[in-house]
Amino acid sequence: MMFWNVLLNENSKILNRKLFWVEIVLLVLIVVGLLLALYITVETDRNGEGLLAGERSMLLETLTWPAAWGNVIRFVGWDGFGPIFLIILVGAVAGQEYTWKTMNISLTHGIPRPLLLIAKLTALLAAGMIIVLAAVAAGGITTGVFSTLINGTLNLNQFDLLKVSMSFARAVYTLLPYGCLTLLLAVASRSTVLAISGGLLYVVVLESLITSGAGMLGERVAQWALYLPGGLANSLLALNNASLGMESSSQLSMIAPLYAGVGIAVWSLLFLGLSLIIFQRQDFAN
C-alpha cells in the first residue's frame, strides 16, 4: 500500500511538469513531420524522375499499412528518438529532485529509500511509455490517412493489433536500460546536467559509434558490442522486423531474442542496483 501511494504521488508530480507534455507534443510533431516529409517526397515525384524505382517502392511501403506500423515504432524505439526523450525526462526530473530538495521531504515522512527510488523510476518509465505511445498512435493515424490517399482505401484487415502491441512492447522494453542508466547518473552526480549529458553521450555518441562501426573495430569488439544494451535491443527487435515486415537497419550480428531480453533486464537491474546502493548511502542532512 505504501508503494502504491508513493507511486501515485510520483506520477502526479510528473504529470504536473511541463516537460512531460512538451515531450509528448515534440515527439508527436517529429514523427508526423518525418512521415509528412516522406509523403511529400513521394507525391512530388509521381513520374519517377527523381527517385529510383526501388526507392519509391520502399517509401510507399514505409507510408502504408501494415509495414508503416513497424517504421513508426522504429522511430521511437532503441534506434530512434525514444532513448533521447527518456534520458531527458529521467535526468531532468531525478536531477531536479536534488536541487529542489524534494527528496528530503519524502524521506522525512518515513518512506524507505529503496521504495522511494523504485517508485520514482517506475513513474518515470511509465511516463516515458506514455510519451512514445502518443507518438506511435499519431504515426499510426497519419500513415492510415496516407494509406487511404495512396491506395484509395484503408483495409483494416491489414492492422494486426496483437503484432503491433507486441512490437510496441518490445520497443519500450529496449528503453529500460537507458532510463536506469540516467537514474544512476542523476543519483551519483546529483546533477540534472550531468545526468542528461552523460546519458546522451552514451547513447548518441559512444553506443552509436560502437554498434555502427563494430565490424571495423575488430571481431572481438563486434562480439562485445552484441551485449551492450543497443546490441541486445537490436537482437530483440529482430522479432519486430519479422512480424511487421521491416528490414533490419543494423549491420550487427544477432543473438537469440530470448537471451537478448534477459540481457536487457540484467543491464537494467545492474544500473538500478548501483543507484540503490549510492542512494542508500547519501547524506541528505545538508
C-alpha atoms as a PDB file:
ATOM      1  CA  MET A   1       0.000   0.000   0.000  1.00  0.00           C
ATOM      2  CA  MET A   2       2.838   2.410   0.817  1.00  0.00           C
ATOM      3  CA  PHE A   3       4.481   1.734  -2.541  1.00  0.00           C
ATOM      4  CA  TRP A   4       1.203   2.412  -4.351  1.00  0.00           C
ATOM      5  CA  ASN A   5       0.704   5.712  -2.514  1.00  0.00           C
ATOM      6  CA  VAL A   6       4.274   6.814  -3.225  1.00  0.00           C
ATOM      7  CA  LEU A   7       3.896   5.794  -6.874  1.00  0.00           C
ATOM      8  CA  LEU A   8       0.700   7.826  -7.228  1.00  0.00           C
ATOM      9  CA  ASN A   9       2.454  10.816  -5.700  1.00  0.00           C
ATOM     10  CA  GLU A  10       5.397  10.477  -8.082  1.00  0.00           C
ATOM     11  CA  ASN A  11       3.023  10.135 -11.032  1.00  0.00           C
ATOM     12  CA  SER A  12       1.159  13.290 -10.085  1.00  0.00           C
ATOM     13  CA  LYS A  13       4.428  15.222  -9.836  1.00  0.00           C
ATOM     14  CA  ILE A  14       5.478  14.114 -13.313  1.00  0.00           C
ATOM     15  CA  LEU A  15       2.077  14.851 -14.858  1.00  0.00           C
ATOM     16  CA  ASN A  16       2.229  18.366 -13.409  1.00  0.00           C
ATOM     17  CA  ARG A  17       5.560  19.071 -15.088  1.00  0.00           C
ATOM     18  CA  LYS A  18       5.544  20.982 -18.360  1.00  0.00           C
ATOM     19  CA  LEU A  19       8.464  18.872 -19.598  1.00  0.00           C
ATOM     20  CA  PHE A  20       6.275  15.772 -19.797  1.00  0.00           C
ATOM     21  CA  TRP A  21       3.685  17.449 -22.008  1.00  0.00           C
ATOM     22  CA  VAL A  22       6.304  19.259 -24.068  1.00  0.00           C
ATOM     23  CA  GLU A  23       7.994  15.930 -24.822  1.00  0.00           C
ATOM     24  CA  ILE A  24       4.697  14.387 -25.922  1.00  0.00           C
ATOM     25  CA  VAL A  25       3.949  17.254 -28.302  1.00  0.00           C
ATOM     26  CA  LEU A  26       7.515  17.420 -29.607  1.00  0.00           C
ATOM     27  CA  LEU A  27       7.856  13.692 -30.300  1.00  0.00           C
ATOM     28  CA  VAL A  28       4.439  13.585 -31.982  1.00  0.00           C
ATOM     29  CA  LEU A  29       5.436  16.518 -34.189  1.00  0.00           C
ATOM     30  CA  ILE A  30       8.752  14.870 -35.075  1.00  0.00           C
ATOM     31  CA  VAL A  31       7.165  11.562 -36.060  1.00  0.00           C
ATOM     32  CA  VAL A  32       4.308  13.143 -38.003  1.00  0.00           C
ATOM     33  CA  GLY A  33       6.714  15.637 -39.592  1.00  0.00           C
ATOM     34  CA  LEU A  34       9.039  12.877 -40.797  1.00  0.00           C
ATOM     35  CA  LEU A  35       6.147  10.916 -42.274  1.00  0.00           C
ATOM     36  CA  LEU A  36       4.746  14.036 -43.936  1.00  0.00           C
ATOM     37  CA  ALA A  37       8.130  14.820 -45.460  1.00  0.00           C
ATOM     38  CA  LEU A  38       8.311  11.300 -46.907  1.00  0.00           C
ATOM     39  CA  TYR A  39       4.785  11.598 -48.293  1.00  0.00           C
ATOM     40  CA  ILE A  40       5.588  14.936 -49.945  1.00  0.00           C
ATOM     41  CA  THR A  41       8.715  13.387 -51.456  1.00  0.00           C
ATOM     42  CA  VAL A  42       6.684  10.560 -52.971  1.00  0.00           C
ATOM     43  CA  GLU A  43       3.876  12.807 -54.201  1.00  0.00           C
ATOM     44  CA  THR A  44       6.198  15.318 -55.858  1.00  0.00           C
ATOM     45  CA  ASP A  45       7.878  12.505 -57.771  1.00  0.00           C
ATOM     46  CA  ARG A  46       4.891  10.632 -59.172  1.00  0.00           C
ATOM     47  CA  ASN A  47       6.580  10.257 -62.559  1.00  0.00           C
ATOM     48  CA  GLY A  48       9.597   8.580 -61.008  1.00  0.00           C
ATOM     49  CA  GLU A  49      12.055  11.107 -62.354  1.00  0.00           C
ATOM     50  CA  GLY A  50      13.850  11.896 -59.090  1.00  0.00           C
ATOM     51  CA  LEU A  51      13.557   8.609 -57.214  1.00  0.00           C
ATOM     52  CA  LEU A  52      14.723   5.210 -58.325  1.00  0.00           C
ATOM     53  CA  ALA A  53      12.027   2.567 -58.615  1.00  0.00           C
ATOM     54  CA  GLY A  54      13.335   0.741 -55.561  1.00  0.00           C
ATOM     55  CA  GLU A  55      13.468   3.921 -53.501  1.00  0.00           C
ATOM     56  CA  ARG A  56       9.921   4.887 -54.387  1.00  0.00           C
ATOM     57  CA  SER A  57       8.664   1.409 -53.563  1.00  0.00           C
ATOM     58  CA  MET A  58      10.454   1.498 -50.203  1.00  0.00           C
ATOM     59  CA  LEU A  59       8.974   4.895 -49.324  1.00  0.00           C
ATOM     60  CA  LEU A  60       5.471   3.766 -50.280  1.00  0.00           C
ATOM     61  CA  GLU A  61       5.865   0.739 -48.025  1.00  0.00           C
ATOM     62  CA  THR A  62       7.057   2.986 -45.194  1.00  0.00           C
ATOM     63  CA  LEU A  63       3.963   5.163 -45.508  1.00  0.00           C
ATOM     64  CA  THR A  64       1.280   2.488 -45.884  1.00  0.00           C
ATOM     65  CA  TRP A  65      -0.125  -0.169 -43.627  1.00  0.00           C
ATOM     66  CA  PRO A  66       0.868  -2.751 -42.453  1.00  0.00           C
ATOM     67  CA  ALA A  67       4.639  -2.098 -42.754  1.00  0.00           C
ATOM     68  CA  ALA A  68       4.127   1.542 -41.736  1.00  0.00           C
ATOM     69  CA  TRP A  69       3.405   0.450 -38.159  1.00  0.00           C
ATOM     70  CA  GLY A  70       6.827  -1.126 -37.898  1.00  0.00           C
ATOM     71  CA  ASN A  71       8.553   2.001 -39.133  1.00  0.00           C
ATOM     72  CA  VAL A  72       6.566   4.235 -36.788  1.00  0.00           C
ATOM     73  CA  ILE A  73       7.550   2.031 -33.844  1.00  0.00           C
ATOM     74  CA  ARG A  74      11.159   2.133 -35.014  1.00  0.00           C
ATOM     75  CA  PHE A  75      11.069   5.952 -34.830  1.00  0.00           C
ATOM     76  CA  VAL A  76      10.513   5.755 -31.059  1.00  0.00           C
ATOM     77  CA  GLY A  77      12.460   2.575 -30.296  1.00  0.00           C
ATOM     78  CA  TRP A  78      16.096   1.893 -29.482  1.00  0.00           C
ATOM     79  CA  ASP A  79      17.453   3.201 -32.794  1.00  0.00           C
ATOM     80  CA  GLY A  80      15.035   6.156 -32.875  1.00  0.00           C
ATOM     81  CA  PHE A  81      14.125   9.055 -30.605  1.00  0.00           C
ATOM     82  CA  GLY A  82      12.863   7.049 -27.628  1.00  0.00           C
ATOM     83  CA  PRO A  83      16.137   6.813 -25.657  1.00  0.00           C
ATOM     84  CA  ILE A  84      16.847  10.521 -26.110  1.00  0.00           C
ATOM     85  CA  PHE A  85      13.446  11.628 -24.815  1.00  0.00           C
ATOM     86  CA  LEU A  86      13.555   9.152 -21.922  1.00  0.00           C
ATOM     87  CA  ILE A  87      17.045  10.261 -20.886  1.00  0.00           C
ATOM     88  CA  ILE A  88      15.993  13.915 -20.872  1.00  0.00           C
ATOM     89  CA  LEU A  89      12.856  13.142 -18.844  1.00  0.00           C
ATOM     90  CA  VAL A  90      14.576  10.950 -16.241  1.00  0.00           C
ATOM     91  CA  GLY A  91      17.628  13.188 -15.963  1.00  0.00           C
ATOM     92  CA  ALA A  92      15.607  16.370 -15.569  1.00  0.00           C
ATOM     93  CA  VAL A  93      13.126  15.006 -13.039  1.00  0.00           C
ATOM     94  CA  ALA A  94      15.568  12.974 -10.931  1.00  0.00           C
ATOM     95  CA  GLY A  95      18.279  15.624 -11.030  1.00  0.00           C
ATOM     96  CA  GLN A  96      15.943  18.434 -10.024  1.00  0.00           C
ATOM     97  CA  GLU A  97      14.789  16.392  -7.022  1.00  0.00           C
ATOM     98  CA  TYR A  98      18.204  17.099  -5.514  1.00  0.00           C
ATOM     99  CA  THR A  99      18.221  20.769  -6.469  1.00  0.00           C
ATOM    100  CA  TRP A 100      14.721  21.358  -5.112  1.00  0.00           C
ATOM    101  CA  LYS A 101      15.388  19.110  -2.063  1.00  0.00           C
ATOM    102  CA  THR A 102      12.106  17.264  -2.559  1.00  0.00           C
ATOM    103  CA  MET A 103      13.939  14.025  -1.775  1.00  0.00           C
ATOM    104  CA  ASN A 104      14.451  15.325   1.756  1.00  0.00           C
ATOM    105  CA  ILE A 105      10.729  15.971   2.215  1.00  0.00           C
ATOM    106  CA  SER A 106       9.797  12.451   1.113  1.00  0.00           C
ATOM    107  CA  LEU A 107      12.397  10.819   3.340  1.00  0.00           C
ATOM    108  CA  THR A 108      11.344  12.796   6.413  1.00  0.00           C
ATOM    109  CA  HIS A 109       7.878  11.240   6.063  1.00  0.00           C
ATOM    110  CA  GLY A 110       9.350   7.832   6.810  1.00  0.00           C
ATOM    111  CA  ILE A 111       9.419   6.487   3.254  1.00  0.00           C
ATOM    112  CA  PRO A 112      12.182   3.858   2.896  1.00  0.00           C
ATOM    113  CA  ARG A 113      14.868   4.942   0.463  1.00  0.00           C
ATOM    114  CA  PRO A 114      14.712   1.874  -1.820  1.00  0.00           C
ATOM    115  CA  LEU A 115      10.930   2.153  -2.063  1.00  0.00           C
ATOM    116  CA  LEU A 116      11.130   5.847  -2.931  1.00  0.00           C
ATOM    117  CA  LEU A 117      13.730   5.375  -5.654  1.00  0.00           C
ATOM    118  CA  ILE A 118      11.990   2.380  -7.227  1.00  0.00           C
ATOM    119  CA  ALA A 119       8.639   4.207  -7.204  1.00  0.00           C
ATOM    120  CA  LYS A 120      10.263   7.226  -8.788  1.00  0.00           C
ATOM    121  CA  LEU A 121      11.848   5.110 -11.535  1.00  0.00           C
ATOM    122  CA  THR A 122       8.576   3.248 -12.137  1.00  0.00           C
ATOM    123  CA  ALA A 123       6.697   6.528 -12.535  1.00  0.00           C
ATOM    124  CA  LEU A 124       9.332   7.899 -14.903  1.00  0.00           C
ATOM    125  CA  LEU A 125       9.340   4.775 -17.057  1.00  0.00           C
ATOM    126  CA  ALA A 126       5.527   4.825 -17.193  1.00  0.00           C
ATOM    127  CA  ALA A 127       5.635   8.465 -18.273  1.00  0.00           C
ATOM    128  CA  GLY A 128       8.194   7.600 -20.944  1.00  0.00           C
ATOM    129  CA  MET A 129       5.927   4.830 -22.222  1.00  0.00           C
ATOM    130  CA  ILE A 130       3.031   7.281 -22.485  1.00  0.00           C
ATOM    131  CA  ILE A 131       5.198   9.677 -24.480  1.00  0.00           C
ATOM    132  CA  VAL A 132       6.227   7.077 -27.055  1.00  0.00           C
ATOM    133  CA  LEU A 133       2.706   5.604 -27.147  1.00  0.00           C
ATOM    134  CA  ALA A 134       1.300   9.006 -28.086  1.00  0.00           C
ATOM    135  CA  ALA A 135       3.854   9.294 -30.887  1.00  0.00           C
ATOM    136  CA  VAL A 136       3.110   5.789 -32.187  1.00  0.00           C
ATOM    137  CA  ALA A 137      -0.640   6.453 -32.123  1.00  0.00           C
ATOM    138  CA  ALA A 138      -0.160   9.717 -34.022  1.00  0.00           C
ATOM    139  CA  GLY A 139       2.096   7.980 -36.518  1.00  0.00           C
ATOM    140  CA  GLY A 140      -0.402   5.173 -36.979  1.00  0.00           C
ATOM    141  CA  ILE A 141      -3.240   7.604 -37.672  1.00  0.00           C
ATOM    142  CA  THR A 142      -1.055   9.598 -40.064  1.00  0.00           C
ATOM    143  CA  THR A 143       0.021   6.523 -42.045  1.00  0.00           C
ATOM    144  CA  GLY A 144      -3.591   5.365 -42.060  1.00  0.00           C
ATOM    145  CA  VAL A 145      -4.521   8.602 -43.830  1.00  0.00           C
ATOM    146  CA  PHE A 146      -1.600   8.195 -46.232  1.00  0.00           C
ATOM    147  CA  SER A 147      -2.587   4.574 -46.893  1.00  0.00           C
ATOM    148  CA  THR A 148      -6.057   5.762 -47.895  1.00  0.00           C
ATOM    149  CA  LEU A 149      -4.688   8.511 -50.138  1.00  0.00           C
ATOM    150  CA  ILE A 150      -2.147   6.251 -51.824  1.00  0.00           C
ATOM    151  CA  ASN A 151      -4.175   3.053 -52.161  1.00  0.00           C
ATOM    152  CA  GLY A 152      -7.618   4.624 -52.388  1.00  0.00           C
ATOM    153  CA  THR A 153      -8.872   2.713 -49.366  1.00  0.00           C
ATOM    154  CA  LEU A 154      -7.806   1.588 -45.928  1.00  0.00           C
ATOM    155  CA  ASN A 155      -8.066  -2.143 -45.371  1.00  0.00           C
ATOM    156  CA  LEU A 156      -8.427  -2.606 -41.629  1.00  0.00           C
ATOM    157  CA  ASN A 157      -7.644  -6.304 -42.075  1.00  0.00           C
ATOM    158  CA  GLN A 158      -4.047  -5.190 -42.573  1.00  0.00           C
ATOM    159  CA  PHE A 159      -3.936  -3.978 -38.973  1.00  0.00           C
ATOM    160  CA  ASP A 160      -2.933  -6.757 -36.599  1.00  0.00           C
ATOM    161  CA  LEU A 161      -3.448  -5.374 -33.104  1.00  0.00           C
ATOM    162  CA  LEU A 162      -1.583  -8.222 -31.414  1.00  0.00           C
ATOM    163  CA  LYS A 163       1.522  -7.885 -33.599  1.00  0.00           C
ATOM    164  CA  VAL A 164       1.579  -4.109 -33.263  1.00  0.00           C
ATOM    165  CA  SER A 165       1.090  -4.287 -29.492  1.00  0.00           C
ATOM    166  CA  MET A 166       3.843  -6.868 -29.057  1.00  0.00           C
ATOM    167  CA  SER A 167       6.198  -4.866 -31.267  1.00  0.00           C
ATOM    168  CA  PHE A 168       5.490  -1.717 -29.278  1.00  0.00           C
ATOM    169  CA  ALA A 169       6.048  -3.583 -26.002  1.00  0.00           C
ATOM    170  CA  ARG A 170       9.411  -4.871 -27.223  1.00  0.00           C
ATOM    171  CA  ALA A 171      10.431  -1.393 -28.358  1.00  0.00           C
ATOM    172  CA  VAL A 172       9.520   0.097 -24.963  1.00  0.00           C
ATOM    173  CA  TYR A 173      11.347  -2.724 -23.187  1.00  0.00           C
ATOM    174  CA  THR A 174      14.580  -1.875 -25.008  1.00  0.00           C
ATOM    175  CA  LEU A 175      14.439   1.623 -23.470  1.00  0.00           C
ATOM    176  CA  LEU A 176      14.669   0.352 -19.873  1.00  0.00           C
ATOM    177  CA  PRO A 177      18.489   0.314 -19.586  1.00  0.00           C
ATOM    178  CA  TYR A 178      18.698   3.932 -20.722  1.00  0.00           C
ATOM    179  CA  GLY A 179      16.187   5.078 -18.116  1.00  0.00           C
ATOM    180  CA  CYS A 180      18.007   3.134 -15.388  1.00  0.00           C
ATOM    181  CA  LEU A 181      21.413   4.414 -16.535  1.00  0.00           C
ATOM    182  CA  THR A 182      20.210   8.015 -16.442  1.00  0.00           C
ATOM    183  CA  LEU A 183      18.771   7.497 -12.967  1.00  0.00           C
ATOM    184  CA  LEU A 184      22.145   6.135 -11.848  1.00  0.00           C
ATOM    185  CA  LEU A 185      23.923   9.187 -13.258  1.00  0.00           C
ATOM    186  CA  ALA A 186      21.415  11.521 -11.587  1.00  0.00           C
ATOM    187  CA  VAL A 187      21.781   9.842  -8.203  1.00  0.00           C
ATOM    188  CA  ALA A 188      25.569   9.613  -8.411  1.00  0.00           C
ATOM    189  CA  SER A 189      26.096  13.207  -9.572  1.00  0.00           C
ATOM    190  CA  ARG A 190      23.038  14.902  -8.005  1.00  0.00           C
ATOM    191  CA  SER A 191      23.035  16.971 -11.187  1.00  0.00           C
ATOM    192  CA  THR A 192      20.477  17.353 -13.963  1.00  0.00           C
ATOM    193  CA  VAL A 193      23.113  18.490 -16.445  1.00  0.00           C
ATOM    194  CA  LEU A 194      25.490  15.609 -15.786  1.00  0.00           C
ATOM    195  CA  ALA A 195      22.696  13.038 -15.837  1.00  0.00           C
ATOM    196  CA  ILE A 196      21.296  14.191 -19.176  1.00  0.00           C
ATOM    197  CA  SER A 197      24.641  14.900 -20.844  1.00  0.00           C
ATOM    198  CA  GLY A 198      26.104  11.601 -19.628  1.00  0.00           C
ATOM    199  CA  GLY A 199      23.108   9.611 -20.856  1.00  0.00           C
ATOM    200  CA  LEU A 200      23.055  11.345 -24.231  1.00  0.00           C
ATOM    201  CA  LEU A 201      26.820  10.986 -24.609  1.00  0.00           C
ATOM    202  CA  TYR A 202      26.494   7.258 -24.090  1.00  0.00           C
ATOM    203  CA  VAL A 203      23.532   6.574 -26.386  1.00  0.00           C
ATOM    204  CA  VAL A 204      24.159   9.161 -29.126  1.00  0.00           C
ATOM    205  CA  VAL A 205      27.943   9.026 -29.328  1.00  0.00           C
ATOM    206  CA  LEU A 206      29.540   6.039 -27.628  1.00  0.00           C
ATOM    207  CA  GLU A 207      26.997   3.298 -28.250  1.00  0.00           C
ATOM    208  CA  SER A 208      26.065   4.549 -31.722  1.00  0.00           C
ATOM    209  CA  LEU A 209      29.706   4.543 -32.800  1.00  0.00           C
ATOM    210  CA  ILE A 210      30.324   1.087 -31.373  1.00  0.00           C
ATOM    211  CA  THR A 211      27.193  -0.538 -32.753  1.00  0.00           C
ATOM    212  CA  SER A 212      27.507   1.058 -36.201  1.00  0.00           C
ATOM    213  CA  GLY A 213      31.256   0.561 -36.565  1.00  0.00           C
ATOM    214  CA  ALA A 214      31.778  -2.633 -34.583  1.00  0.00           C
ATOM    215  CA  GLY A 215      32.777  -4.560 -37.677  1.00  0.00           C
ATOM    216  CA  MET A 216      35.567  -2.116 -38.461  1.00  0.00           C
ATOM    217  CA  LEU A 217      36.875  -2.201 -34.872  1.00  0.00           C
ATOM    218  CA  GLY A 218      37.682  -5.883 -34.975  1.00  0.00           C
ATOM    219  CA  GLU A 219      35.935  -9.174 -34.366  1.00  0.00           C
ATOM    220  CA  ARG A 220      36.367  -9.057 -30.590  1.00  0.00           C
ATOM    221  CA  VAL A 221      34.824  -5.581 -30.321  1.00  0.00           C
ATOM    222  CA  ALA A 222      31.980  -6.682 -32.589  1.00  0.00           C
ATOM    223  CA  GLN A 223      31.252  -9.623 -30.291  1.00  0.00           C
ATOM    224  CA  TRP A 224      31.299  -7.447 -27.163  1.00  0.00           C
ATOM    225  CA  ALA A 225      29.036  -4.905 -28.858  1.00  0.00           C
ATOM    226  CA  LEU A 226      26.340  -7.557 -29.113  1.00  0.00           C
ATOM    227  CA  TYR A 227      25.986  -7.499 -25.336  1.00  0.00           C
ATOM    228  CA  LEU A 228      25.678  -3.746 -24.929  1.00  0.00           C
ATOM    229  CA  PRO A 229      22.100  -2.505 -24.396  1.00  0.00           C
ATOM    230  CA  GLY A 230      21.984  -1.359 -28.020  1.00  0.00           C
ATOM    231  CA  GLY A 231      23.231  -4.671 -29.381  1.00  0.00           C
ATOM    232  CA  LEU A 232      20.745  -6.569 -27.248  1.00  0.00           C
ATOM    233  CA  ALA A 233      17.959  -4.247 -28.371  1.00  0.00           C
ATOM    234  CA  ASN A 234      18.870  -4.848 -31.990  1.00  0.00           C
ATOM    235  CA  SER A 235      18.629  -8.605 -31.473  1.00  0.00           C
ATOM    236  CA  LEU A 236      15.300  -8.388 -29.647  1.00  0.00           C
ATOM    237  CA  LEU A 237      13.771  -6.038 -32.196  1.00  0.00           C
ATOM    238  CA  ALA A 238      14.554  -8.536 -34.936  1.00  0.00           C
ATOM    239  CA  LEU A 239      11.217 -10.032 -33.888  1.00  0.00           C
ATOM    240  CA  ASN A 240       9.573  -6.747 -34.877  1.00  0.00           C
ATOM    241  CA  ASN A 241      11.298  -6.833 -38.231  1.00  0.00           C
ATOM    242  CA  ALA A 242       9.989 -10.329 -38.854  1.00  0.00           C
ATOM    243  CA  SER A 243       6.414  -9.780 -37.657  1.00  0.00           C
ATOM    244  CA  LEU A 244       5.848  -6.360 -39.229  1.00  0.00           C
ATOM    245  CA  GLY A 245       7.796  -6.828 -42.445  1.00  0.00           C
ATOM    246  CA  MET A 246      10.680  -4.442 -41.794  1.00  0.00           C
ATOM    247  CA  GLU A 247      14.293  -4.761 -42.831  1.00  0.00           C
ATOM    248  CA  SER A 248      16.972  -4.543 -40.156  1.00  0.00           C
ATOM    249  CA  SER A 249      18.817  -1.221 -40.141  1.00  0.00           C
ATOM    250  CA  SER A 250      21.856  -2.604 -38.299  1.00  0.00           C
ATOM    251  CA  GLN A 251      24.865  -4.473 -39.591  1.00  0.00           C
ATOM    252  CA  LEU A 252      25.442  -6.160 -36.229  1.00  0.00           C
ATOM    253  CA  SER A 253      25.158  -9.894 -35.885  1.00  0.00           C
ATOM    254  CA  MET A 254      22.414 -11.037 -33.570  1.00  0.00           C
ATOM    255  CA  ILE A 255      21.916 -13.270 -30.581  1.00  0.00           C
ATOM    256  CA  ALA A 256      18.742 -15.163 -29.704  1.00  0.00           C
ATOM    257  CA  PRO A 257      15.896 -12.770 -28.819  1.00  0.00           C
ATOM    258  CA  LEU A 258      15.248 -14.616 -25.533  1.00  0.00           C
ATOM    259  CA  TYR A 259      18.842 -14.103 -24.395  1.00  0.00           C
ATOM    260  CA  ALA A 260      18.676 -10.508 -25.608  1.00  0.00           C
ATOM    261  CA  GLY A 261      15.603  -9.902 -23.459  1.00  0.00           C
ATOM    262  CA  VAL A 262      17.365 -11.381 -20.428  1.00  0.00           C
ATOM    263  CA  GLY A 263      20.443  -9.264 -21.143  1.00  0.00           C
ATOM    264  CA  ILE A 264      18.382  -6.078 -21.229  1.00  0.00           C
ATOM    265  CA  ALA A 265      16.889  -6.987 -17.850  1.00  0.00           C
ATOM    266  CA  VAL A 266      20.378  -7.645 -16.436  1.00  0.00           C
ATOM    267  CA  TRP A 267      21.667  -4.236 -17.575  1.00  0.00           C
ATOM    268  CA  SER A 268      18.594  -2.501 -16.167  1.00  0.00           C
ATOM    269  CA  LEU A 269      18.861  -4.259 -12.805  1.00  0.00           C
ATOM    270  CA  LEU A 270      22.595  -3.561 -12.642  1.00  0.00           C
ATOM    271  CA  PHE A 271      22.079   0.187 -13.131  1.00  0.00           C
ATOM    272  CA  LEU A 272      19.151   0.197 -10.705  1.00  0.00           C
ATOM    273  CA  GLY A 273      21.123  -1.773  -8.118  1.00  0.00           C
ATOM    274  CA  LEU A 274      24.037   0.654  -8.268  1.00  0.00           C
ATOM    275  CA  SER A 275      21.580   3.551  -7.945  1.00  0.00           C
ATOM    276  CA  LEU A 276      20.066   1.979  -4.825  1.00  0.00           C
ATOM    277  CA  ILE A 277      23.489   1.403  -3.239  1.00  0.00           C
ATOM    278  CA  ILE A 278      24.560   5.008  -3.820  1.00  0.00           C
ATOM    279  CA  PHE A 279      21.174   6.422  -2.807  1.00  0.00           C
ATOM    280  CA  GLN A 280      21.132   4.382   0.401  1.00  0.00           C
ATOM    281  CA  ARG A 281      24.484   5.869   1.476  1.00  0.00           C
ATOM    282  CA  GLN A 282      23.833   9.503   0.542  1.00  0.00           C
ATOM    283  CA  ASP A 283      23.693  12.190   3.181  1.00  0.00           C
ATOM    284  CA  PHE A 284      20.655  14.467   2.846  1.00  0.00           C
ATOM    285  CA  ALA A 285      21.293  16.392   6.037  1.00  0.00           C
ATOM    286  CA  ASN A 286      22.786  19.297   4.069  1.00  0.00           C
END
